[in-house]
Amino acid sequence: MAQKQQEEEKVRLDKWLWAARFYKTRALAKAAIESGKVHHRGERCKPGKEPHVGDEFQIRTGFDEKTIVVQALSIVRRGAPEAQALYTETEASIAKRENAAAMRKAGATGMTTYGKPSKKQRRDLFKFRGSGNDD
């Protein structure tokens, strides 16, 4: 009986990330771990790593990087409220993500200095330079 209890507590990292709803499928979780988007103590992880309660992971998804602390283990994917109970995000991580989102939002309205300008940017350039179509 004690051995069965120990086996139930062993959880693969890719399965836990899927159960905690960081990734939609276990295959995506495994691919993210293998590509170096999940770190533990500053080092890359392997999909078979066993997370423990209290472990801290850095997870990169899209533009965001979250630092989370494992609160509970599960291999069953449930609803979002139950999945959010499996981890807590650190205060520093929340502040960093909100700051990065604000910076992206502020920078998104300006014109880019690289690549081909869009149609609207071209019109604005023509208007600014005074070279309209009234020649």
Protein backbone atom coordinates (compact mmCIF):
# COMPACT_ATOMS: atom_id res chain seq x y z
CA MET A 1 0.00 0.00 0.00
CA ALA A 2 2.84 2.43 0.85
CA GLN A 3 4.49 1.74 -2.49
CA LYS A 4 1.26 2.49 -4.35
CA GLN A 5 1.04 5.82 -2.49
CA GLN A 6 4.61 6.67 -3.56
CA GLU A 7 3.87 5.78 -7.19
CA GLU A 8 0.85 8.10 -7.22
CA GLU A 9 2.98 10.99 -5.96
CA LYS A 10 5.49 10.58 -8.80
CA VAL A 11 4.53 12.95 -11.59
CA ARG A 12 6.38 13.76 -14.80
CA LEU A 13 6.96 17.48 -15.41
CA ASP A 14 5.33 17.46 -18.85
CA LYS A 15 2.22 15.80 -17.40
CA TRP A 16 2.07 18.28 -14.51
CA LEU A 17 2.41 21.29 -16.85
CA TRP A 18 -0.43 19.88 -18.95
CA ALA A 19 -2.58 19.25 -15.86
CA ALA A 20 -1.86 22.79 -14.60
CA ARG A 21 -3.07 24.10 -17.97
CA PHE A 22 0.11 25.82 -19.11
CA TYR A 23 -0.09 23.91 -22.41
CA LYS A 24 -3.09 22.49 -24.29
CA THR A 25 -1.56 19.07 -24.91
CA ARG A 26 1.07 16.97 -23.24
CA ALA A 27 3.00 16.87 -26.51
CA LEU A 28 3.19 20.69 -26.52
CA ALA A 29 4.37 20.62 -22.91
CA LYS A 30 7.07 18.10 -23.80
CA ALA A 31 8.17 20.13 -26.83
CA ALA A 32 8.37 23.31 -24.73
CA ILE A 33 10.50 21.57 -22.11
CA GLU A 34 12.81 20.09 -24.74
CA SER A 35 13.22 23.45 -26.48
CA GLY A 36 14.39 25.08 -23.24
CA LYS A 37 11.32 27.09 -22.27
CA VAL A 38 11.08 25.54 -18.81
CA HIS A 39 13.87 26.03 -16.28
CA HIS A 40 14.38 24.88 -12.70
CA ARG A 41 17.07 26.61 -10.63
CA GLY A 42 18.39 28.30 -13.77
CA GLU A 43 18.89 25.05 -15.68
CA ARG A 44 16.91 23.44 -18.45
CA CYS A 45 14.62 20.59 -17.49
CA LYS A 46 13.79 17.24 -19.03
CA PRO A 47 10.18 16.06 -19.57
CA GLY A 48 10.66 13.19 -17.12
CA LYS A 49 11.76 15.41 -14.24
CA GLU A 50 9.65 14.94 -11.14
CA PRO A 51 8.39 18.24 -9.69
CA HIS A 52 7.97 18.42 -5.93
CA VAL A 53 5.84 20.72 -3.80
CA GLY A 54 7.81 23.93 -3.24
CA ASP A 55 9.88 23.71 -6.44
CA GLU A 56 10.22 26.93 -8.43
CA PHE A 57 10.06 26.89 -12.24
CA GLN A 58 10.52 29.59 -14.87
CA ILE A 59 8.11 28.99 -17.76
CA ARG A 60 8.15 30.96 -21.00
CA THR A 61 4.91 31.06 -23.01
CA GLY A 62 4.73 33.47 -25.91
CA PHE A 63 6.02 36.88 -24.80
CA ASP A 64 5.54 36.13 -21.11
CA GLU A 65 7.86 34.47 -18.64
CA LYS A 66 6.31 33.26 -15.40
CA THR A 67 8.05 32.18 -12.22
CA ILE A 68 5.81 29.72 -10.41
CA VAL A 69 6.00 27.69 -7.21
CA VAL A 70 4.46 24.21 -7.18
CA GLN A 71 1.73 23.96 -4.53
CA ALA A 72 0.26 20.53 -5.35
CA LEU A 73 0.82 17.64 -7.75
CA SER A 74 -1.69 16.20 -10.17
CA ILE A 75 -1.70 14.10 -13.32
CA VAL A 76 -5.38 14.74 -14.02
CA ARG A 77 -6.40 17.75 -16.09
CA ARG A 78 -9.39 19.45 -14.47
CA GLY A 79 -11.09 22.82 -14.69
CA ALA A 80 -9.15 26.08 -14.59
CA PRO A 81 -9.90 26.96 -10.93
CA GLU A 82 -8.61 23.56 -9.79
CA ALA A 83 -5.58 23.81 -12.09
CA GLN A 84 -4.67 27.24 -10.69
CA ALA A 85 -4.60 25.70 -7.21
CA LEU A 86 -1.64 23.55 -8.31
CA TYR A 87 0.74 26.53 -8.39
CA THR A 88 1.24 30.14 -7.33
CA GLU A 89 3.02 32.80 -9.33
CA THR A 90 5.56 34.92 -7.47
CA GLU A 91 4.83 38.62 -6.89
CA ALA A 92 8.02 39.63 -8.74
CA SER A 93 6.94 37.57 -11.75
CA ILE A 94 3.48 39.17 -11.84
CA ALA A 95 4.98 42.69 -11.69
CA LYS A 96 7.53 41.85 -14.39
CA ARG A 97 4.85 40.43 -16.72
CA GLU A 98 2.54 43.43 -16.24
CA ASN A 99 5.42 45.83 -16.90
CA ALA A 100 6.42 43.95 -20.07
CA ALA A 101 2.79 43.95 -21.28
CA ALA A 102 2.55 47.71 -20.72
CA MET A 103 5.80 48.25 -22.63
CA ARG A 104 4.56 46.12 -25.54
CA LYS A 105 1.28 48.01 -25.60
CA ALA A 106 3.03 51.38 -25.57
CA GLY A 107 5.46 50.35 -28.30
CA ALA A 108 2.80 48.81 -30.54
CA THR A 109 1.36 52.19 -31.60
CA GLY A 110 4.58 53.60 -33.05
CA MET A 111 5.95 53.01 -36.51
CA THR A 112 8.51 50.28 -36.89
CA THR A 113 11.93 51.12 -38.26
CA TYR A 114 12.49 47.78 -39.92
CA GLY A 115 10.82 45.91 -42.75
CA LYS A 116 8.45 47.11 -45.40
CA PRO A 117 5.95 49.76 -44.24
CA SER A 118 2.27 48.86 -44.25
CA LYS A 119 -0.22 50.64 -46.49
CA LYS A 120 -1.29 53.01 -43.69
CA GLN A 121 2.33 53.77 -42.78
CA ARG A 122 3.07 54.55 -46.47
CA ARG A 123 0.12 56.96 -46.63
CA ASP A 124 1.30 58.66 -43.45
CA LEU A 125 4.81 58.98 -44.90
CA PHE A 126 3.48 60.52 -48.12
CA LYS A 127 1.34 62.96 -46.13
CA PHE A 128 4.29 63.88 -43.89
CA ARG A 129 6.68 64.43 -46.82
CA GLY A 130 4.09 66.39 -48.79
CA SER A 131 4.28 64.10 -51.79
CA GLY A 132 0.62 63.36 -52.20
CA ASN A 133 -1.21 62.37 -55.39
CA ASP A 134 -2.19 65.97 -56.30
CA ASP A 135 0.70 66.42 -58.85
